[in-house]
Amino acid sequence: MRSGQRILLAVCLFAAVALLLSSRSATAHAVLLNSTPAINGTVAGPDIPIKLRFNVRIDAERSRLTLVKPDASVQSLAIAKDSPADTLDSHAQGLHPGEYRIRWQALASDGHITRGEILFQVKPS
């Protein structure tokens, strides 16, 4: 094999490895797979479980859950320490009927932060 062919082969191999690594890290961002309550769902209060499951491991200690109430006041929610590695579990108590939002911020295993909101309704009991 000539020197030029070796260089071309090395460049192609390097490009293939770089492409493989970049596509792998892009899939590691935290993507919400499902939630309780469901997005745009309706639940019975006053106490509700909260469960957000992602496509990757989540650093629960550095992630956040916040409840936005109908009056726009905000309450931080504690994340359960015994949650599965891909899940943020919590519990909200004393919810009155109305529209709520769960704002989440998840730190994925790749070090990237992803944020989102889950809008849901609490129906009268």
N, C-alpha and C. Protein backbone atom coordinates (compact mmCIF):
# COMPACT_ATOMS: atom_id res chain seq x y z
N MET A 1 0.84 -1.17 0.00
CA MET A 1 0.00 0.00 0.00
C MET A 1 0.89 1.23 0.00
N ARG A 2 0.58 2.16 -0.89
CA ARG A 2 1.37 3.38 -0.99
C ARG A 2 1.05 4.34 0.14
N SER A 3 1.90 5.30 0.35
CA SER A 3 1.76 6.29 1.41
C SER A 3 0.47 7.09 1.28
N GLY A 4 0.14 7.49 0.05
CA GLY A 4 -1.09 8.27 -0.19
C GLY A 4 -2.34 7.47 0.16
N GLN A 5 -2.31 6.18 -0.15
CA GLN A 5 -3.45 5.33 0.15
C GLN A 5 -3.61 5.14 1.66
N ARG A 6 -2.49 5.04 2.36
CA ARG A 6 -2.53 4.89 3.82
C ARG A 6 -3.13 6.13 4.47
N ILE A 7 -2.72 7.29 3.97
CA ILE A 7 -3.25 8.55 4.53
C ILE A 7 -4.75 8.63 4.27
N LEU A 8 -5.17 8.29 3.06
CA LEU A 8 -6.59 8.33 2.72
C LEU A 8 -7.38 7.35 3.60
N LEU A 9 -6.84 6.17 3.79
CA LEU A 9 -7.49 5.17 4.64
C LEU A 9 -7.58 5.66 6.09
N ALA A 10 -6.52 6.27 6.59
CA ALA A 10 -6.52 6.80 7.95
C ALA A 10 -7.54 7.92 8.12
N VAL A 11 -7.64 8.80 7.13
CA VAL A 11 -8.61 9.90 7.18
C VAL A 11 -10.03 9.34 7.16
N CYS A 12 -10.30 8.37 6.31
CA CYS A 12 -11.63 7.76 6.24
C CYS A 12 -11.98 7.06 7.56
N LEU A 13 -11.03 6.35 8.13
CA LEU A 13 -11.26 5.67 9.40
C LEU A 13 -11.53 6.68 10.51
N PHE A 14 -10.76 7.75 10.56
CA PHE A 14 -10.95 8.80 11.56
C PHE A 14 -12.34 9.43 11.41
N ALA A 15 -12.74 9.71 10.17
CA ALA A 15 -14.06 10.32 9.92
C ALA A 15 -15.18 9.38 10.35
N ALA A 16 -15.04 8.09 10.07
CA ALA A 16 -16.07 7.12 10.47
C ALA A 16 -16.20 7.03 11.99
N VAL A 17 -15.08 7.01 12.68
CA VAL A 17 -15.10 6.97 14.15
C VAL A 17 -15.70 8.25 14.71
N ALA A 18 -15.33 9.39 14.18
CA ALA A 18 -15.88 10.67 14.65
C ALA A 18 -17.39 10.73 14.43
N LEU A 19 -17.85 10.25 13.28
CA LEU A 19 -19.28 10.22 13.00
C LEU A 19 -20.01 9.30 13.97
N LEU A 20 -19.46 8.15 14.23
CA LEU A 20 -20.06 7.21 15.16
C LEU A 20 -20.14 7.80 16.56
N LEU A 21 -19.08 8.42 17.02
CA LEU A 21 -19.07 9.02 18.36
C LEU A 21 -20.03 10.20 18.47
N SER A 22 -20.11 11.02 17.45
CA SER A 22 -21.01 12.18 17.51
C SER A 22 -22.46 11.74 17.47
N SER A 23 -22.81 10.72 16.73
CA SER A 23 -24.20 10.26 16.70
C SER A 23 -24.56 9.58 18.01
N ARG A 24 -23.62 8.94 18.64
CA ARG A 24 -23.88 8.28 19.92
C ARG A 24 -24.12 9.31 21.01
N SER A 25 -23.35 10.40 21.05
CA SER A 25 -23.54 11.40 22.09
C SER A 25 -24.83 12.17 21.87
N ALA A 26 -25.26 12.33 20.64
CA ALA A 26 -26.51 13.06 20.37
C ALA A 26 -27.71 12.28 20.89
N THR A 27 -27.64 10.95 20.87
CA THR A 27 -28.76 10.16 21.35
C THR A 27 -28.77 10.05 22.87
N ALA A 28 -27.75 10.53 23.54
CA ALA A 28 -27.69 10.41 24.99
C ALA A 28 -28.41 11.54 25.71
N HIS A 29 -28.83 12.60 25.01
CA HIS A 29 -29.59 13.66 25.65
C HIS A 29 -30.87 13.08 26.24
N ALA A 30 -31.30 13.64 27.36
CA ALA A 30 -32.51 13.14 28.02
C ALA A 30 -33.74 13.52 27.21
N VAL A 31 -34.46 12.51 26.75
CA VAL A 31 -35.72 12.70 26.04
C VAL A 31 -36.81 12.07 26.90
N LEU A 32 -37.85 12.84 27.20
CA LEU A 32 -38.95 12.34 28.01
C LEU A 32 -39.73 11.30 27.21
N LEU A 33 -39.83 10.08 27.74
CA LEU A 33 -40.55 9.01 27.06
C LEU A 33 -42.02 8.96 27.48
N ASN A 34 -42.27 9.08 28.79
CA ASN A 34 -43.64 9.13 29.28
C ASN A 34 -43.68 9.76 30.66
N SER A 35 -44.87 10.17 31.05
CA SER A 35 -45.01 10.86 32.33
C SER A 35 -46.34 10.55 32.98
N THR A 36 -46.34 10.65 34.30
CA THR A 36 -47.54 10.61 35.13
C THR A 36 -47.47 11.84 36.00
N PRO A 37 -48.40 12.78 35.85
CA PRO A 37 -49.53 12.76 34.93
C PRO A 37 -49.09 12.88 33.48
N ALA A 38 -49.95 12.43 32.58
CA ALA A 38 -49.65 12.50 31.15
C ALA A 38 -49.72 13.95 30.68
N ILE A 39 -49.01 14.25 29.62
CA ILE A 39 -49.05 15.58 29.02
C ILE A 39 -50.48 15.86 28.58
N ASN A 40 -51.02 17.01 29.01
CA ASN A 40 -52.40 17.42 28.74
C ASN A 40 -53.43 16.47 29.35
N GLY A 41 -53.02 15.70 30.36
CA GLY A 41 -53.92 14.76 31.02
C GLY A 41 -54.73 15.43 32.12
N THR A 42 -55.68 14.67 32.65
CA THR A 42 -56.50 15.10 33.77
C THR A 42 -56.38 14.06 34.86
N VAL A 43 -56.14 14.51 36.09
CA VAL A 43 -55.97 13.61 37.23
C VAL A 43 -56.89 14.04 38.36
N ALA A 44 -57.17 13.11 39.26
CA ALA A 44 -57.96 13.40 40.46
C ALA A 44 -57.00 13.77 41.58
N GLY A 45 -57.27 14.88 42.24
CA GLY A 45 -56.45 15.32 43.36
C GLY A 45 -57.03 14.81 44.65
N PRO A 46 -56.62 15.27 45.76
CA PRO A 46 -55.68 16.38 45.91
C PRO A 46 -54.21 15.95 45.89
N ASP A 47 -53.94 14.64 46.03
CA ASP A 47 -52.56 14.16 46.05
C ASP A 47 -52.30 13.33 44.80
N ILE A 48 -51.17 13.62 44.12
CA ILE A 48 -50.88 12.90 42.88
C ILE A 48 -49.42 12.44 42.86
N PRO A 49 -49.18 11.25 42.34
CA PRO A 49 -47.80 10.82 42.11
C PRO A 49 -47.27 11.48 40.83
N ILE A 50 -45.98 11.74 40.80
CA ILE A 50 -45.34 12.32 39.62
C ILE A 50 -44.21 11.39 39.22
N LYS A 51 -44.21 11.00 37.94
CA LYS A 51 -43.17 10.09 37.44
C LYS A 51 -42.82 10.48 36.02
N LEU A 52 -41.57 10.80 35.79
CA LEU A 52 -41.08 11.14 34.47
C LEU A 52 -40.00 10.13 34.09
N ARG A 53 -40.21 9.42 32.97
CA ARG A 53 -39.24 8.41 32.53
C ARG A 53 -38.57 8.90 31.26
N PHE A 54 -37.24 8.77 31.23
CA PHE A 54 -36.42 9.27 30.13
C PHE A 54 -35.75 8.12 29.38
N ASN A 55 -35.11 8.45 28.27
CA ASN A 55 -34.45 7.44 27.44
C ASN A 55 -33.03 7.10 27.90
N VAL A 56 -32.52 7.84 28.90
CA VAL A 56 -31.16 7.61 29.41
C VAL A 56 -31.15 7.74 30.92
N ARG A 57 -30.02 7.39 31.51
CA ARG A 57 -29.83 7.58 32.95
C ARG A 57 -29.86 9.07 33.27
N ILE A 58 -30.45 9.40 34.40
CA ILE A 58 -30.59 10.79 34.83
C ILE A 58 -29.87 10.96 36.17
N ASP A 59 -29.17 12.08 36.31
CA ASP A 59 -28.55 12.43 37.58
C ASP A 59 -29.63 13.13 38.42
N ALA A 60 -30.32 12.37 39.27
CA ALA A 60 -31.45 12.90 40.03
C ALA A 60 -31.03 14.00 41.00
N GLU A 61 -29.83 13.93 41.53
CA GLU A 61 -29.38 14.95 42.49
C GLU A 61 -29.22 16.31 41.83
N ARG A 62 -28.92 16.34 40.56
CA ARG A 62 -28.70 17.61 39.86
C ARG A 62 -29.85 17.97 38.93
N SER A 63 -30.93 17.20 38.97
CA SER A 63 -32.11 17.48 38.18
C SER A 63 -33.14 18.18 39.07
N ARG A 64 -34.14 18.80 38.45
CA ARG A 64 -35.12 19.60 39.19
C ARG A 64 -36.54 19.33 38.69
N LEU A 65 -37.49 19.36 39.63
CA LEU A 65 -38.91 19.33 39.32
C LEU A 65 -39.56 20.50 40.05
N THR A 66 -40.39 21.24 39.32
CA THR A 66 -41.08 22.39 39.90
C THR A 66 -42.54 22.33 39.49
N LEU A 67 -43.42 22.60 40.43
CA LEU A 67 -44.85 22.63 40.16
C LEU A 67 -45.30 24.08 40.06
N VAL A 68 -45.93 24.43 38.94
CA VAL A 68 -46.51 25.76 38.75
C VAL A 68 -48.01 25.61 38.95
N LYS A 69 -48.53 26.32 39.95
CA LYS A 69 -49.95 26.20 40.33
C LYS A 69 -50.81 27.15 39.49
N PRO A 70 -52.16 26.97 39.56
CA PRO A 70 -53.05 27.82 38.78
C PRO A 70 -52.89 29.31 39.05
N ASP A 71 -52.48 29.69 40.26
CA ASP A 71 -52.28 31.11 40.59
C ASP A 71 -50.89 31.60 40.21
N ALA A 72 -50.13 30.79 39.48
CA ALA A 72 -48.77 31.08 39.00
C ALA A 72 -47.71 31.00 40.10
N SER A 73 -48.10 30.60 41.31
CA SER A 73 -47.08 30.38 42.33
C SER A 73 -46.31 29.10 41.99
N VAL A 74 -45.09 29.01 42.50
CA VAL A 74 -44.18 27.92 42.15
C VAL A 74 -43.78 27.17 43.40
N GLN A 75 -43.73 25.84 43.29
CA GLN A 75 -43.33 24.99 44.40
C GLN A 75 -42.29 23.98 43.90
N SER A 76 -41.14 23.91 44.58
CA SER A 76 -40.14 22.89 44.25
C SER A 76 -40.63 21.55 44.75
N LEU A 77 -40.40 20.51 43.97
CA LEU A 77 -40.80 19.16 44.35
C LEU A 77 -39.55 18.33 44.63
N ALA A 78 -39.58 17.61 45.73
CA ALA A 78 -38.46 16.74 46.08
C ALA A 78 -38.47 15.51 45.18
N ILE A 79 -37.30 15.13 44.69
CA ILE A 79 -37.17 13.95 43.84
C ILE A 79 -36.78 12.77 44.73
N ALA A 80 -37.52 11.68 44.60
CA ALA A 80 -37.25 10.49 45.42
C ALA A 80 -35.86 9.95 45.11
N LYS A 81 -35.13 9.61 46.15
CA LYS A 81 -33.76 9.10 45.99
C LYS A 81 -33.72 7.65 45.50
N ASP A 82 -34.81 6.91 45.67
CA ASP A 82 -34.82 5.50 45.28
C ASP A 82 -35.46 5.27 43.91
N SER A 83 -35.52 6.30 43.09
CA SER A 83 -36.09 6.18 41.74
C SER A 83 -35.17 5.35 40.85
N PRO A 84 -35.74 4.68 39.84
CA PRO A 84 -34.88 4.01 38.86
C PRO A 84 -33.96 5.03 38.17
N ALA A 85 -32.88 4.57 37.60
CA ALA A 85 -31.85 5.46 37.04
C ALA A 85 -32.36 6.34 35.90
N ASP A 86 -33.41 5.92 35.22
CA ASP A 86 -33.94 6.70 34.09
C ASP A 86 -35.21 7.47 34.44
N THR A 87 -35.49 7.62 35.74
CA THR A 87 -36.78 8.16 36.17
C THR A 87 -36.61 9.22 37.25
N LEU A 88 -37.46 10.24 37.18
CA LEU A 88 -37.59 11.21 38.26
C LEU A 88 -38.96 11.00 38.88
N ASP A 89 -39.00 10.60 40.16
CA ASP A 89 -40.23 10.36 40.89
C ASP A 89 -40.42 11.43 41.95
N SER A 90 -41.68 11.85 42.13
CA SER A 90 -42.00 12.81 43.18
C SER A 90 -43.47 12.64 43.54
N HIS A 91 -43.97 13.57 44.36
CA HIS A 91 -45.35 13.52 44.81
C HIS A 91 -45.80 14.95 45.10
N ALA A 92 -47.00 15.30 44.64
CA ALA A 92 -47.57 16.63 44.93
C ALA A 92 -48.81 16.42 45.78
N GLN A 93 -48.94 17.25 46.81
CA GLN A 93 -50.06 17.11 47.74
C GLN A 93 -50.87 18.39 47.83
N GLY A 94 -52.15 18.21 48.16
CA GLY A 94 -53.02 19.35 48.40
C GLY A 94 -53.38 20.16 47.18
N LEU A 95 -53.46 19.51 46.02
CA LEU A 95 -53.78 20.24 44.79
C LEU A 95 -55.28 20.46 44.66
N HIS A 96 -55.66 21.67 44.36
CA HIS A 96 -57.05 22.04 44.12
C HIS A 96 -57.33 21.94 42.63
N PRO A 97 -58.60 21.87 42.25
CA PRO A 97 -58.91 21.81 40.81
C PRO A 97 -58.32 23.00 40.06
N GLY A 98 -57.84 22.72 38.86
CA GLY A 98 -57.27 23.77 38.02
C GLY A 98 -56.18 23.24 37.11
N GLU A 99 -55.53 24.18 36.41
CA GLU A 99 -54.47 23.85 35.45
C GLU A 99 -53.11 23.99 36.13
N TYR A 100 -52.29 22.97 36.01
CA TYR A 100 -50.96 22.94 36.61
C TYR A 100 -49.92 22.65 35.53
N ARG A 101 -48.67 22.95 35.86
CA ARG A 101 -47.53 22.62 35.00
C ARG A 101 -46.43 22.01 35.87
N ILE A 102 -45.82 20.99 35.36
CA ILE A 102 -44.59 20.48 35.97
C ILE A 102 -43.46 20.92 35.06
N ARG A 103 -42.57 21.73 35.59
CA ARG A 103 -41.36 22.10 34.85
C ARG A 103 -40.26 21.16 35.30
N TRP A 104 -39.61 20.54 34.32
CA TRP A 104 -38.53 19.61 34.66
C TRP A 104 -37.24 20.05 33.99
N GLN A 105 -36.18 19.73 34.69
CA GLN A 105 -34.82 19.95 34.18
C GLN A 105 -34.05 18.69 34.52
N ALA A 106 -33.61 17.97 33.52
CA ALA A 106 -32.94 16.69 33.72
C ALA A 106 -31.50 16.76 33.23
N LEU A 107 -30.59 16.32 34.09
CA LEU A 107 -29.18 16.21 33.70
C LEU A 107 -28.95 14.77 33.27
N ALA A 108 -28.67 14.59 31.99
CA ALA A 108 -28.45 13.25 31.43
C ALA A 108 -27.06 12.75 31.75
N SER A 109 -26.87 11.46 31.54
CA SER A 109 -25.59 10.83 31.81
C SER A 109 -24.47 11.37 30.93
N ASP A 110 -24.81 12.02 29.81
CA ASP A 110 -23.78 12.61 28.93
C ASP A 110 -23.38 14.01 29.37
N GLY A 111 -24.01 14.53 30.46
CA GLY A 111 -23.67 15.84 30.97
C GLY A 111 -24.50 16.98 30.41
N HIS A 112 -25.44 16.68 29.52
CA HIS A 112 -26.29 17.71 28.93
C HIS A 112 -27.58 17.87 29.72
N ILE A 113 -28.05 19.09 29.85
CA ILE A 113 -29.30 19.40 30.54
C ILE A 113 -30.41 19.55 29.50
N THR A 114 -31.54 18.94 29.78
CA THR A 114 -32.73 19.07 28.95
C THR A 114 -33.85 19.60 29.84
N ARG A 115 -34.70 20.45 29.27
CA ARG A 115 -35.80 21.04 30.03
C ARG A 115 -37.11 20.84 29.29
N GLY A 116 -38.21 20.86 30.07
CA GLY A 116 -39.52 20.77 29.45
C GLY A 116 -40.62 21.07 30.45
N GLU A 117 -41.85 21.04 29.97
CA GLU A 117 -43.02 21.27 30.81
C GLU A 117 -44.09 20.23 30.49
N ILE A 118 -44.84 19.89 31.52
CA ILE A 118 -45.97 18.99 31.37
C ILE A 118 -47.20 19.73 31.90
N LEU A 119 -48.11 20.04 31.01
CA LEU A 119 -49.36 20.69 31.37
C LEU A 119 -50.37 19.61 31.73
N PHE A 120 -51.09 19.80 32.85
CA PHE A 120 -52.14 18.86 33.21
C PHE A 120 -53.21 19.56 34.04
N GLN A 121 -54.35 18.91 34.15
CA GLN A 121 -55.49 19.44 34.90
C GLN A 121 -55.76 18.56 36.12
N VAL A 122 -56.13 19.20 37.22
CA VAL A 122 -56.64 18.47 38.38
C VAL A 122 -58.14 18.71 38.38
N LYS A 123 -58.90 17.61 38.36
CA LYS A 123 -60.37 17.73 38.30
C LYS A 123 -60.94 17.77 39.72
N PRO A 124 -62.12 18.34 39.87
CA PRO A 124 -62.75 18.35 41.19
C PRO A 124 -63.02 16.93 41.66
N SER A 125 -62.90 16.68 42.97
CA SER A 125 -63.14 15.33 43.48
C SER A 125 -64.60 15.07 43.72
